[in-house]
């Protein structure tokens, strides 16, 4: 019959496994609303301007904000992209801290010889 420690370990391991599964893909999407004009901005209708997906295996995908320049060529909107990159860095840092906290919750077990 499992004791309280074994039950706690199993519950903690299940929580970590669920979080790792949820954290396997990190998606950050930056959106905008038009605050000009007479209408009150609707945050429910915010439109995306940049998106980054980072997978636990290191694969990543980024859609960056572009606009047509004066010569008709596409240029990166550096202000929006910088803001988006700050959001991505914050999300990655948060995910790392949460994974470390979950892993540190597991008691270390002595190795068998």
Foldseek 3Di string as FASTA:
>chain_A
DDDPVVVVLVVLVVVLVVLCVVVQKDKAWDWDWDPDDDDHTDPVPTGTQKMKIAGPVGDIDIDFHWDQDPVRDIDGPVVVRVVSVVVVVVRVVVSVVVSVVSVVVNDDDDDDD
